[in-house]
PDB file of N, CA and C in Angstrom:
ATOM      1  N   MET A   1     -80.946 136.774-143.019  1.00  0.00           N
ATOM      2  CA  MET A   1     -80.026 135.702-143.367  1.00  0.00           C
ATOM      3  C   MET A   1     -78.999 135.547-142.250  1.00  0.00           C
ATOM      4  N   LYS A   2     -78.519 134.330-142.069  1.00  0.00           N
ATOM      5  CA  LYS A   2     -77.534 134.021-141.035  1.00  0.00           C
ATOM      6  C   LYS A   2     -76.195 133.705-141.673  1.00  0.00           C
ATOM      7  N   HIS A   3     -75.150 134.310-141.133  1.00  0.00           N
ATOM      8  CA  HIS A   3     -73.781 134.032-141.575  1.00  0.00           C
ATOM      9  C   HIS A   3     -72.904 133.848-140.347  1.00  0.00           C
ATOM     10  N   THR A   4     -71.811 133.143-140.514  1.00  0.00           N
ATOM     11  CA  THR A   4     -70.852 133.006-139.419  1.00  0.00           C
ATOM     12  C   THR A   4     -69.506 133.580-139.828  1.00  0.00           C
ATOM     13  N   ILE A   5     -68.856 134.154-138.862  1.00  0.00           N
ATOM     14  CA  ILE A   5     -67.478 134.624-139.001  1.00  0.00           C
ATOM     15  C   ILE A   5     -66.710 133.971-137.861  1.00  0.00           C
ATOM     16  N   ASN A   6     -65.660 133.261-138.185  1.00  0.00           N
ATOM     17  CA  ASN A   6     -64.843 132.578-137.186  1.00  0.00           C
ATOM     18  C   ASN A   6     -63.417 133.094-137.254  1.00  0.00           C
ATOM     19  N   ILE A   7     -62.905 133.470-136.118  1.00  0.00           N
ATOM     20  CA  ILE A   7     -61.498 133.863-136.012  1.00  0.00           C
ATOM     21  C   ILE A   7     -60.871 132.853-135.059  1.00  0.00           C
ATOM     22  N   GLU A   8     -60.059 131.977-135.610  1.00  0.00           N
ATOM     23  CA  GLU A   8     -59.517 130.869-134.830  1.00  0.00           C
ATOM     24  C   GLU A   8     -57.994 130.960-134.736  1.00  0.00           C
ATOM     25  N   GLY A   9     -57.494 130.554-133.596  1.00  0.00           N
ATOM     26  CA  GLY A   9     -56.047 130.464-133.429  1.00  0.00           C
ATOM     27  C   GLY A   9     -55.357 131.787-133.167  1.00  0.00           C
ATOM     28  N   ILE A  10     -56.018 132.679-132.429  1.00  0.00           N
ATOM     29  CA  ILE A  10     -55.349 133.931-132.025  1.00  0.00           C
ATOM     30  C   ILE A  10     -54.345 133.541-130.938  1.00  0.00           C
ATOM     31  N   LYS A  11     -53.085 133.573-131.280  1.00  0.00           N
ATOM     32  CA  LYS A  11     -52.033 133.147-130.350  1.00  0.00           C
ATOM     33  C   LYS A  11     -51.517 134.349-129.566  1.00  0.00           C
ATOM     34  N   LEU A  12     -51.623 134.256-128.243  1.00  0.00           N
ATOM     35  CA  LEU A  12     -51.206 135.352-127.375  1.00  0.00           C
ATOM     36  C   LEU A  12     -50.446 134.801-126.169  1.00  0.00           C
ATOM     37  N   TYR A  13     -49.658 135.658-125.561  1.00  0.00           N
ATOM     38  CA  TYR A  13     -48.923 135.305-124.352  1.00  0.00           C
ATOM     39  C   TYR A  13     -49.571 136.053-123.201  1.00  0.00           C
ATOM     40  N   GLY A  14     -49.770 135.380-122.075  1.00  0.00           N
ATOM     41  CA  GLY A  14     -50.410 136.029-120.938  1.00  0.00           C
ATOM     42  C   GLY A  14     -49.857 135.534-119.622  1.00  0.00           C
ATOM     43  N   TYR A  15     -50.267 136.202-118.562  1.00  0.00           N
ATOM     44  CA  TYR A  15     -49.754 135.923-117.218  1.00  0.00           C
ATOM     45  C   TYR A  15     -50.896 135.551-116.273  1.00  0.00           C
ATOM     46  N   HIS A  16     -51.756 134.661-116.711  1.00  0.00           N
ATOM     47  CA  HIS A  16     -52.925 134.270-115.935  1.00  0.00           C
ATOM     48  C   HIS A  16     -52.660 132.983-115.160  1.00  0.00           C
ATOM     49  N   GLY A  17     -53.262 132.894-114.003  1.00  0.00           N
ATOM     50  CA  GLY A  17     -53.137 131.683-113.206  1.00  0.00           C
ATOM     51  C   GLY A  17     -53.041 132.004-111.734  1.00  0.00           C
ATOM     52  N   CYS A  18     -53.335 131.010-110.928  1.00  0.00           N
ATOM     53  CA  CYS A  18     -53.319 131.176-109.476  1.00  0.00           C
ATOM     54  C   CYS A  18     -51.934 130.988-108.873  1.00  0.00           C
ATOM     55  N   LEU A  19     -51.030 130.391-109.625  1.00  0.00           N
ATOM     56  CA  LEU A  19     -49.680 130.150-109.106  1.00  0.00           C
ATOM     57  C   LEU A  19     -48.789 131.380-109.309  1.00  0.00           C
ATOM     58  N   GLU A  20     -47.916 131.612-108.345  1.00  0.00           N
ATOM     59  CA  GLU A  20     -47.027 132.768-108.393  1.00  0.00           C
ATOM     60  C   GLU A  20     -46.140 132.765-109.637  1.00  0.00           C
ATOM     61  N   GLU A  21     -45.655 131.587-110.027  1.00  0.00           N
ATOM     62  CA  GLU A  21     -44.774 131.524-111.197  1.00  0.00           C
ATOM     63  C   GLU A  21     -45.512 131.867-112.497  1.00  0.00           C
ATOM     64  N   GLU A  22     -46.816 131.633-112.534  1.00  0.00           N
ATOM     65  CA  GLU A  22     -47.585 131.986-113.736  1.00  0.00           C
ATOM     66  C   GLU A  22     -47.628 133.500-113.918  1.00  0.00           C
ATOM     67  N   ALA A  23     -47.660 134.228-112.813  1.00  0.00           N
ATOM     68  CA  ALA A  23     -47.652 135.695-112.870  1.00  0.00           C
ATOM     69  C   ALA A  23     -46.298 136.215-113.331  1.00  0.00           C
ATOM     70  N   LYS A  24     -45.233 135.473-113.052  1.00  0.00           N
ATOM     71  CA  LYS A  24     -43.879 135.899-113.420  1.00  0.00           C
ATOM     72  C   LYS A  24     -43.464 135.406-114.804  1.00  0.00           C
ATOM     73  N   ILE A  25     -43.710 134.136-115.061  1.00  0.00           N
ATOM     74  CA  ILE A  25     -43.231 133.508-116.295  1.00  0.00           C
ATOM     75  C   ILE A  25     -44.240 133.653-117.433  1.00  0.00           C
ATOM     76  N   GLY A  26     -45.504 133.511-117.114  1.00  0.00           N
ATOM     77  CA  GLY A  26     -46.536 133.573-118.146  1.00  0.00           C
ATOM     78  C   GLY A  26     -46.656 132.279-118.914  1.00  0.00           C
ATOM     79  N   GLY A  27     -47.506 132.305-119.934  1.00  0.00           N
ATOM     80  CA  GLY A  27     -47.712 131.113-120.734  1.00  0.00           C
ATOM     81  C   GLY A  27     -48.398 131.425-122.048  1.00  0.00           C
ATOM     82  N   HIS A  28     -48.526 130.411-122.868  1.00  0.00           N
ATOM     83  CA  HIS A  28     -49.126 130.552-124.193  1.00  0.00           C
ATOM     84  C   HIS A  28     -50.623 130.236-124.141  1.00  0.00           C
ATOM     85  N   TYR A  29     -51.372 131.038-124.889  1.00  0.00           N
ATOM     86  CA  TYR A  29     -52.828 130.908-124.936  1.00  0.00           C
ATOM     87  C   TYR A  29     -53.301 131.003-126.375  1.00  0.00           C
ATOM     88  N   VAL A  30     -54.488 130.450-126.622  1.00  0.00           N
ATOM     89  CA  VAL A  30     -55.125 130.553-127.933  1.00  0.00           C
ATOM     90  C   VAL A  30     -56.573 130.998-127.707  1.00  0.00           C
ATOM     91  N   VAL A  31     -56.993 132.000-128.467  1.00  0.00           N
ATOM     92  CA  VAL A  31     -58.368 132.490-128.402  1.00  0.00           C
ATOM     93  C   VAL A  31     -59.045 132.165-129.730  1.00  0.00           C
ATOM     94  N   ASP A  32     -60.255 131.609-129.644  1.00  0.00           N
ATOM     95  CA  ASP A  32     -61.077 131.338-130.824  1.00  0.00           C
ATOM     96  C   ASP A  32     -62.406 132.065-130.636  1.00  0.00           C
ATOM     97  N   ILE A  33     -62.829 132.770-131.680  1.00  0.00           N
ATOM     98  CA  ILE A  33     -64.063 133.548-131.635  1.00  0.00           C
ATOM     99  C   ILE A  33     -64.979 133.062-132.755  1.00  0.00           C
ATOM    100  N   TYR A  34     -66.220 132.746-132.405  1.00  0.00           N
ATOM    101  CA  TYR A  34     -67.222 132.285-133.372  1.00  0.00           C
ATOM    102  C   TYR A  34     -68.428 133.221-133.289  1.00  0.00           C
ATOM    103  N   MET A  35     -68.768 133.866-134.404  1.00  0.00           N
ATOM    104  CA  MET A  35     -69.830 134.868-134.411  1.00  0.00           C
ATOM    105  C   MET A  35     -70.870 134.557-135.475  1.00  0.00           C
ATOM    106  N   THR A  36     -72.131 134.763-135.119  1.00  0.00           N
ATOM    107  CA  THR A  36     -73.221 134.669-136.082  1.00  0.00           C
ATOM    108  C   THR A  36     -73.759 136.076-136.284  1.00  0.00           C
ATOM    109  N   THR A  37     -73.894 136.463-137.540  1.00  0.00           N
ATOM    110  CA  THR A  37     -74.355 137.802-137.888  1.00  0.00           C
ATOM    111  C   THR A  37     -75.002 137.742-139.273  1.00  0.00           C
ATOM    112  N   ASP A  38     -75.343 138.868-139.802  1.00  0.00           N
ATOM    113  CA  ASP A  38     -75.853 138.950-141.169  1.00  0.00           C
ATOM    114  C   ASP A  38     -74.940 139.899-141.929  1.00  0.00           C
ATOM    115  N   PHE A  39     -74.105 139.334-142.791  1.00  0.00           N
ATOM    116  CA  PHE A  39     -73.209 140.201-143.570  1.00  0.00           C
ATOM    117  C   PHE A  39     -73.623 140.295-145.035  1.00  0.00           C
ATOM    118  N   SER A  40     -74.917 140.142-145.292  1.00  0.00           N
ATOM    119  CA  SER A  40     -75.434 140.225-146.662  1.00  0.00           C
ATOM    120  C   SER A  40     -75.069 141.539-147.344  1.00  0.00           C
ATOM    121  N   GLU A  41     -75.302 142.644-146.626  1.00  0.00           N
ATOM    122  CA  GLU A  41     -75.021 143.963-147.208  1.00  0.00           C
ATOM    123  C   GLU A  41     -73.533 144.153-147.456  1.00  0.00           C
ATOM    124  N   ALA A  42     -72.711 143.688-146.538  1.00  0.00           N
ATOM    125  CA  ALA A  42     -71.261 143.794-146.715  1.00  0.00           C
ATOM    126  C   ALA A  42     -70.806 143.003-147.937  1.00  0.00           C
ATOM    127  N   ALA A  43     -71.347 141.793-148.092  1.00  0.00           N
ATOM    128  CA  ALA A  43     -70.974 140.947-149.232  1.00  0.00           C
ATOM    129  C   ALA A  43     -71.448 141.564-150.551  1.00  0.00           C
ATOM    130  N   LYS A  44     -72.631 142.121-150.523  1.00  0.00           N
ATOM    131  CA  LYS A  44     -73.199 142.722-151.732  1.00  0.00           C
ATOM    132  C   LYS A  44     -72.419 143.961-152.171  1.00  0.00           C
ATOM    133  N   ASN A  45     -72.051 144.808-151.193  1.00  0.00           N
ATOM    134  CA  ASN A  45     -71.418 146.091-151.495  1.00  0.00           C
ATOM    135  C   ASN A  45     -69.915 146.129-151.257  1.00  0.00           C
ATOM    136  N   ASP A  46     -69.341 144.996-150.814  1.00  0.00           N
ATOM    137  CA  ASP A  46     -67.906 144.939-150.523  1.00  0.00           C
ATOM    138  C   ASP A  46     -67.497 146.039-149.545  1.00  0.00           C
ATOM    139  N   ASP A  47     -68.258 146.133-148.429  1.00  0.00           N
ATOM    140  CA  ASP A  47     -68.121 147.251-147.485  1.00  0.00           C
ATOM    141  C   ASP A  47     -67.809 146.729-146.084  1.00  0.00           C
ATOM    142  N   LEU A  48     -66.604 146.993-145.619  1.00  0.00           N
ATOM    143  CA  LEU A  48     -66.157 146.545-144.299  1.00  0.00           C
ATOM    144  C   LEU A  48     -67.032 147.091-143.175  1.00  0.00           C
ATOM    145  N   THR A  49     -67.572 148.280-143.330  1.00  0.00           N
ATOM    146  CA  THR A  49     -68.372 148.879-142.259  1.00  0.00           C
ATOM    147  C   THR A  49     -69.698 148.151-142.040  1.00  0.00           C
ATOM    148  N   LYS A  50     -70.054 147.240-142.922  1.00  0.00           N
ATOM    149  CA  LYS A  50     -71.316 146.502-142.815  1.00  0.00           C
ATOM    150  C   LYS A  50     -71.123 145.077-142.290  1.00  0.00           C
ATOM    151  N   THR A  51     -69.945 144.806-141.769  1.00  0.00           N
ATOM    152  CA  THR A  51     -69.665 143.483-141.211  1.00  0.00           C
ATOM    153  C   THR A  51     -68.830 143.644-139.949  1.00  0.00           C
ATOM    154  N   ILE A  52     -68.297 142.558-139.437  1.00  0.00           N
ATOM    155  CA  ILE A  52     -67.474 142.566-138.222  1.00  0.00           C
ATOM    156  C   ILE A  52     -66.008 142.708-138.639  1.00  0.00           C
ATOM    157  N   ASP A  53     -65.350 143.704-138.090  1.00  0.00           N
ATOM    158  CA  ASP A  53     -63.940 143.958-138.389  1.00  0.00           C
ATOM    159  C   ASP A  53     -63.070 142.964-137.603  1.00  0.00           C
ATOM    160  N   TYR A  54     -62.421 142.070-138.319  1.00  0.00           N
ATOM    161  CA  TYR A  54     -61.585 141.038-137.674  1.00  0.00           C
ATOM    162  C   TYR A  54     -60.494 141.648-136.802  1.00  0.00           C
ATOM    163  N   CYS A  55     -59.916 142.741-137.279  1.00  0.00           N
ATOM    164  CA  CYS A  55     -58.826 143.390-136.530  1.00  0.00           C
ATOM    165  C   CYS A  55     -59.314 143.918-135.186  1.00  0.00           C
ATOM    166  N   ALA A  56     -60.528 144.433-135.144  1.00  0.00           N
ATOM    167  CA  ALA A  56     -61.092 144.933-133.883  1.00  0.00           C
ATOM    168  C   ALA A  56     -61.294 143.788-132.893  1.00  0.00           C
ATOM    169  N   ILE A  57     -61.743 142.651-133.387  1.00  0.00           N
ATOM    170  CA  ILE A  57     -61.925 141.470-132.524  1.00  0.00           C
ATOM    171  C   ILE A  57     -60.572 141.020-131.972  1.00  0.00           C
ATOM    172  N   TYR A  58     -59.568 141.004-132.837  1.00  0.00           N
ATOM    173  CA  TYR A  58     -58.216 140.638-132.401  1.00  0.00           C
ATOM    174  C   TYR A  58     -57.725 141.596-131.306  1.00  0.00           C
ATOM    175  N   GLU A  59     -57.920 142.890-131.509  1.00  0.00           N
ATOM    176  CA  GLU A  59     -57.441 143.885-130.540  1.00  0.00           C
ATOM    177  C   GLU A  59     -58.146 143.748-129.192  1.00  0.00           C
ATOM    178  N   ILE A  60     -59.434 143.448-129.206  1.00  0.00           N
ATOM    179  CA  ILE A  60     -60.155 143.213-127.951  1.00  0.00           C
ATOM    180  C   ILE A  60     -59.544 142.015-127.230  1.00  0.00           C
ATOM    181  N   SER A  61     -59.306 140.947-127.960  1.00  0.00           N
ATOM    182  CA  SER A  61     -58.706 139.746-127.367  1.00  0.00           C
ATOM    183  C   SER A  61     -57.322 140.051-126.806  1.00  0.00           C
ATOM    184  N   LYS A  62     -56.526 140.726-127.577  1.00  0.00           N
ATOM    185  CA  LYS A  62     -55.151 141.064-127.167  1.00  0.00           C
ATOM    186  C   LYS A  62     -55.145 141.952-125.919  1.00  0.00           C
ATOM    187  N   THR A  63     -56.006 142.954-125.891  1.00  0.00           N
ATOM    188  CA  THR A  63     -56.076 143.873-124.753  1.00  0.00           C
ATOM    189  C   THR A  63     -56.502 143.150-123.482  1.00  0.00           C
ATOM    190  N   GLN A  64     -57.496 142.292-123.587  1.00  0.00           N
ATOM    191  CA  GLN A  64     -57.972 141.580-122.408  1.00  0.00           C
ATOM    192  C   GLN A  64     -56.982 140.516-121.936  1.00  0.00           C
ATOM    193  N   MET A  65     -56.269 139.915-122.863  1.00  0.00           N
ATOM    194  CA  MET A  65     -55.238 138.939-122.483  1.00  0.00           C
ATOM    195  C   MET A  65     -54.068 139.622-121.780  1.00  0.00           C
ATOM    196  N   ALA A  66     -53.873 140.893-122.020  1.00  0.00           N
ATOM    197  CA  ALA A  66     -52.782 141.641-121.382  1.00  0.00           C
ATOM    198  C   ALA A  66     -53.115 142.010-119.934  1.00  0.00           C
ATOM    199  N   ARG A  67     -54.385 141.947-119.558  1.00  0.00           N
ATOM    200  CA  ARG A  67     -54.815 142.221-118.178  1.00  0.00           C
ATOM    201  C   ARG A  67     -54.771 140.925-117.374  1.00  0.00           C
ATOM    202  N   ARG A  68     -53.910 140.882-116.392  1.00  0.00           N
ATOM    203  CA  ARG A  68     -53.717 139.666-115.602  1.00  0.00           C
ATOM    204  C   ARG A  68     -54.956 139.296-114.791  1.00  0.00           C
ATOM    205  N   SER A  69     -55.237 138.002-114.751  1.00  0.00           N
ATOM    206  CA  SER A  69     -56.304 137.440-113.922  1.00  0.00           C
ATOM    207  C   SER A  69     -55.825 136.111-113.362  1.00  0.00           C
ATOM    208  N   ASN A  70     -56.368 135.729-112.236  1.00  0.00           N
ATOM    209  CA  ASN A  70     -56.075 134.408-111.695  1.00  0.00           C
ATOM    210  C   ASN A  70     -56.733 133.327-112.541  1.00  0.00           C
ATOM    211  N   LEU A  71     -57.933 133.610-113.041  1.00  0.00           N
ATOM    212  CA  LEU A  71     -58.718 132.606-113.752  1.00  0.00           C
ATOM    213  C   LEU A  71     -58.906 132.963-115.219  1.00  0.00           C
ATOM    214  N   ILE A  72     -58.705 131.977-116.088  1.00  0.00           N
ATOM    215  CA  ILE A  72     -58.974 132.225-117.513  1.00  0.00           C
ATOM    216  C   ILE A  72     -60.475 132.389-117.735  1.00  0.00           C
ATOM    217  N   GLU A  73     -61.276 131.909-116.819  1.00  0.00           N
ATOM    218  CA  GLU A  73     -62.718 132.108-116.900  1.00  0.00           C
ATOM    219  C   GLU A  73     -63.055 133.597-116.922  1.00  0.00           C
ATOM    220  N   GLN A  74     -62.364 134.369-116.089  1.00  0.00           N
ATOM    221  CA  GLN A  74     -62.600 135.806-116.045  1.00  0.00           C
ATOM    222  C   GLN A  74     -62.161 136.478-117.339  1.00  0.00           C
ATOM    223  N   VAL A  75     -61.025 136.089-117.867  1.00  0.00           N
ATOM    224  CA  VAL A  75     -60.521 136.674-119.113  1.00  0.00           C
ATOM    225  C   VAL A  75     -61.482 136.376-120.258  1.00  0.00           C
ATOM    226  N   CYS A  76     -61.931 135.150-120.349  1.00  0.00           N
ATOM    227  CA  CYS A  76     -62.853 134.743-121.401  1.00  0.00           C
ATOM    228  C   CYS A  76     -64.160 135.537-121.310  1.00  0.00           C
ATOM    229  N   GLU A  77     -64.668 135.695-120.110  1.00  0.00           N
ATOM    230  CA  GLU A  77     -65.899 136.457-119.896  1.00  0.00           C
ATOM    231  C   GLU A  77     -65.718 137.919-120.306  1.00  0.00           C
ATOM    232  N   ARG A  78     -64.561 138.504-120.016  1.00  0.00           N
ATOM    233  CA  ARG A  78     -64.300 139.897-120.415  1.00  0.00           C
ATOM    234  C   ARG A  78     -64.295 140.036-121.929  1.00  0.00           C
ATOM    235  N   ILE A  79     -63.606 139.134-122.604  1.00  0.00           N
ATOM    236  CA  ILE A  79     -63.550 139.183-124.072  1.00  0.00           C
ATOM    237  C   ILE A  79     -64.962 139.085-124.640  1.00  0.00           C
ATOM    238  N   TYR A  80     -65.718 138.130-124.150  1.00  0.00           N
ATOM    239  CA  TYR A  80     -67.097 137.928-124.610  1.00  0.00           C
ATOM    240  C   TYR A  80     -67.932 139.200-124.408  1.00  0.00           C
ATOM    241  N   SER A  81     -67.916 139.738-123.204  1.00  0.00           N
ATOM    242  CA  SER A  81     -68.746 140.895-122.863  1.00  0.00           C
ATOM    243  C   SER A  81     -68.412 142.118-123.710  1.00  0.00           C
ATOM    244  N   ILE A  82     -67.151 142.359-123.941  1.00  0.00           N
ATOM    245  CA  ILE A  82     -66.750 143.532-124.720  1.00  0.00           C
ATOM    246  C   ILE A  82     -67.147 143.362-126.183  1.00  0.00           C
ATOM    247  N   ILE A  83     -66.944 142.185-126.734  1.00  0.00           N
ATOM    248  CA  ILE A  83     -67.343 141.954-128.129  1.00  0.00           C
ATOM    249  C   ILE A  83     -68.851 142.139-128.276  1.00  0.00           C
ATOM    250  N   LYS A  84     -69.638 141.585-127.358  1.00  0.00           N
ATOM    251  CA  LYS A  84     -71.100 141.734-127.425  1.00  0.00           C
ATOM    252  C   LYS A  84     -71.507 143.209-127.364  1.00  0.00           C
ATOM    253  N   LYS A  85     -70.834 143.962-126.516  1.00  0.00           N
ATOM    254  CA  LYS A  85     -71.151 145.383-126.357  1.00  0.00           C
ATOM    255  C   LYS A  85     -70.754 146.187-127.605  1.00  0.00           C
ATOM    256  N   GLU A  86     -69.572 145.916-128.135  1.00  0.00           N
ATOM    257  CA  GLU A  86     -69.043 146.686-129.269  1.00  0.00           C
ATOM    258  C   GLU A  86     -69.702 146.334-130.607  1.00  0.00           C
ATOM    259  N   PHE A  87     -70.230 145.125-130.714  1.00  0.00           N
ATOM    260  CA  PHE A  87     -70.797 144.651-131.982  1.00  0.00           C
ATOM    261  C   PHE A  87     -72.214 144.105-131.774  1.00  0.00           C
ATOM    262  N   PRO A  88     -73.195 144.986-131.652  1.00  0.00           N
ATOM    263  CA  PRO A  88     -74.568 144.535-131.422  1.00  0.00           C
ATOM    264  C   PRO A  88     -75.161 143.734-132.584  1.00  0.00           C
ATOM    265  N   ALA A  89     -74.552 143.787-133.751  1.00  0.00           N
ATOM    266  CA  ALA A  89     -75.046 143.014-134.905  1.00  0.00           C
ATOM    267  C   ALA A  89     -74.771 141.519-134.760  1.00  0.00           C
ATOM    268  N   ILE A  90     -73.955 141.132-133.786  1.00  0.00           N
ATOM    269  CA  ILE A  90     -73.680 139.713-133.545  1.00  0.00           C
ATOM    270  C   ILE A  90     -74.876 139.118-132.808  1.00  0.00           C
ATOM    271  N   SER A  91     -75.536 138.151-133.439  1.00  0.00           N
ATOM    272  CA  SER A  91     -76.705 137.533-132.811  1.00  0.00           C
ATOM    273  C   SER A  91     -76.319 136.388-131.874  1.00  0.00           C
ATOM    274  N   HIS A  92     -75.253 135.685-132.206  1.00  0.00           N
ATOM    275  CA  HIS A  92     -74.733 134.622-131.335  1.00  0.00           C
ATOM    276  C   HIS A  92     -73.218 134.738-131.307  1.00  0.00           C
ATOM    277  N   LEU A  93     -72.670 134.537-130.115  1.00  0.00           N
ATOM    278  CA  LEU A  93     -71.223 134.665-129.935  1.00  0.00           C
ATOM    279  C   LEU A  93     -70.735 133.524-129.065  1.00  0.00           C
ATOM    280  N   ARG A  94     -69.607 132.973-129.448  1.00  0.00           N
ATOM    281  CA  ARG A  94     -68.930 131.942-128.661  1.00  0.00           C
ATOM    282  C   ARG A  94     -67.455 132.306-128.601  1.00  0.00           C
ATOM    283  N   VAL A  95     -66.917 132.407-127.387  1.00  0.00           N
ATOM    284  CA  VAL A  95     -65.507 132.709-127.178  1.00  0.00           C
ATOM    285  C   VAL A  95     -64.885 131.535-126.441  1.00  0.00           C
ATOM    286  N   LYS A  96     -63.807 131.021-126.998  1.00  0.00           N
ATOM    287  CA  LYS A  96     -63.078 129.908-126.379  1.00  0.00           C
ATOM    288  C   LYS A  96     -61.657 130.383-126.076  1.00  0.00           C
ATOM    289  N   LEU A  97     -61.225 130.167-124.842  1.00  0.00           N
ATOM    290  CA  LEU A  97     -59.869 130.535-124.424  1.00  0.00           C
ATOM    291  C   LEU A  97     -59.161 129.273-123.948  1.00  0.00           C
ATOM    292  N   THR A  98     -58.032 128.981-124.568  1.00  0.00           N
ATOM    293  CA  THR A  98     -57.272 127.769-124.270  1.00  0.00           C
ATOM    294  C   THR A  98     -55.916 128.133-123.679  1.00  0.00           C
ATOM    295  N   LYS A  99     -55.596 127.496-122.579  1.00  0.00           N
ATOM    296  CA  LYS A  99     -54.292 127.643-121.934  1.00  0.00           C
ATOM    297  C   LYS A  99     -53.477 126.419-122.316  1.00  0.00           C
ATOM    298  N   LEU A 100     -52.355 126.640-122.982  1.00  0.00           N
ATOM    299  CA  LEU A 100     -51.506 125.535-123.427  1.00  0.00           C
ATOM    300  C   LEU A 100     -50.543 125.116-122.319  1.00  0.00           C
ATOM    301  N   VAL A 101     -50.356 123.841-122.172  1.00  0.00           N
ATOM    302  CA  VAL A 101     -49.457 123.227-121.187  1.00  0.00           C
ATOM    303  C   VAL A 101     -49.632 123.866-119.797  1.00  0.00           C
ATOM    304  N   PRO A 102     -50.817 123.704-119.216  1.00  0.00           N
ATOM    305  CA  PRO A 102     -51.058 124.284-117.897  1.00  0.00           C
ATOM    306  C   PRO A 102     -50.220 123.580-116.825  1.00  0.00           C
ATOM    307  N   PRO A 103     -49.778 124.329-115.811  1.00  0.00           N
ATOM    308  CA  PRO A 103     -48.983 123.710-114.753  1.00  0.00           C
ATOM    309  C   PRO A 103     -49.870 122.858-113.847  1.00  0.00           C
ATOM    310  N   MET A 104     -49.889 121.583-114.119  1.00  0.00           N
ATOM    311  CA  MET A 104     -50.699 120.644-113.339  1.00  0.00           C
ATOM    312  C   MET A 104     -49.822 119.458-112.950  1.00  0.00           C
ATOM    313  N   ASN A 105     -50.299 118.658-112.049  1.00  0.00           N
ATOM    314  CA  ASN A 105     -49.549 117.474-111.625  1.00  0.00           C
ATOM    315  C   ASN A 105     -49.808 116.325-112.591  1.00  0.00           C
ATOM    316  N   GLY A 106     -49.436 116.526-113.839  1.00  0.00           N
ATOM    317  CA  GLY A 106     -49.641 115.514-114.857  1.00  0.00           C
ATOM    318  C   GLY A 106     -49.346 116.081-116.229  1.00  0.00           C
ATOM    319  N   ASP A 107     -49.344 115.218-117.208  1.00  0.00           N
ATOM    320  CA  ASP A 107     -49.066 115.609-118.586  1.00  0.00           C
ATOM    321  C   ASP A 107     -50.365 116.048-119.252  1.00  0.00           C
ATOM    322  N   VAL A 108     -50.632 117.349-119.245  1.00  0.00           N
ATOM    323  CA  VAL A 108     -51.855 117.904-119.801  1.00  0.00           C
ATOM    324  C   VAL A 108     -51.476 118.864-120.925  1.00  0.00           C
ATOM    325  N   GLU A 109     -52.007 118.625-122.103  1.00  0.00           N
ATOM    326  CA  GLU A 109     -51.698 119.444-123.279  1.00  0.00           C
ATOM    327  C   GLU A 109     -52.318 120.831-123.188  1.00  0.00           C
ATOM    328  N   LYS A 110     -53.593 120.886-122.771  1.00  0.00           N
ATOM    329  CA  LYS A 110     -54.276 122.177-122.732  1.00  0.00           C
ATOM    330  C   LYS A 110     -55.541 122.071-121.901  1.00  0.00           C
ATOM    331  N   VAL A 111     -55.999 123.227-121.466  1.00  0.00           N
ATOM    332  CA  VAL A 111     -57.280 123.347-120.777  1.00  0.00           C
ATOM    333  C   VAL A 111     -57.985 124.548-121.391  1.00  0.00           C
ATOM    334  N   SER A 112     -59.299 124.459-121.561  1.00  0.00           N
ATOM    335  CA  SER A 112     -59.997 125.585-122.173  1.00  0.00           C
ATOM    336  C   SER A 112     -61.320 125.855-121.488  1.00  0.00           C
ATOM    337  N   VAL A 113     -61.779 127.090-121.643  1.00  0.00           N
ATOM    338  CA  VAL A 113     -63.092 127.508-121.162  1.00  0.00           C
ATOM    339  C   VAL A 113     -63.808 128.200-122.314  1.00  0.00           C
ATOM    340  N   GLU A 114     -65.125 128.198-122.260  1.00  0.00           N
ATOM    341  CA  GLU A 114     -65.922 128.844-123.303  1.00  0.00           C
ATOM    342  C   GLU A 114     -67.058 129.627-122.677  1.00  0.00           C
ATOM    343  N   VAL A 115     -67.361 130.767-123.305  1.00  0.00           N
ATOM    344  CA  VAL A 115     -68.537 131.555-122.962  1.00  0.00           C
ATOM    345  C   VAL A 115     -69.318 131.700-124.254  1.00  0.00           C
ATOM    346  N   MET A 116     -70.629 131.422-124.196  1.00  0.00           N
ATOM    347  CA  MET A 116     -71.442 131.519-125.407  1.00  0.00           C
ATOM    348  C   MET A 116     -72.875 131.848-125.055  1.00  0.00           C
ATOM    349  N   ASP A 117     -73.613 132.317-126.046  1.00  0.00           N
ATOM    350  CA  ASP A 117     -75.042 132.518-125.842  1.00  0.00           C
ATOM    351  C   ASP A 117     -75.827 131.609-126.756  1.00  0.00           C
TER     352      ASP A 117
END
């Protein structure tokens, strides 16, 4: 059976970007995680160990967002890779990382990247 677990709107602060001020000032980011798995046994037995622990996914996102990178592409790829490694029961994974109000020469609300299989 196929089930999805979505963790949306993980709000974090980070210091990513190619500009010097981004490393000093930082900015607001949002991480969204979409997972396909089979949680039939967890639902049947009410057992957290048989599904994906939301808190663990949050901690992976938080830890990787705390590691500075020039590119959000790299951060997104790290989050994706670690989740795939830590949770082999995930058959499909999509990680979206959004940078709010990026420093650009224009009025841009957000920019995002996604890694998925």
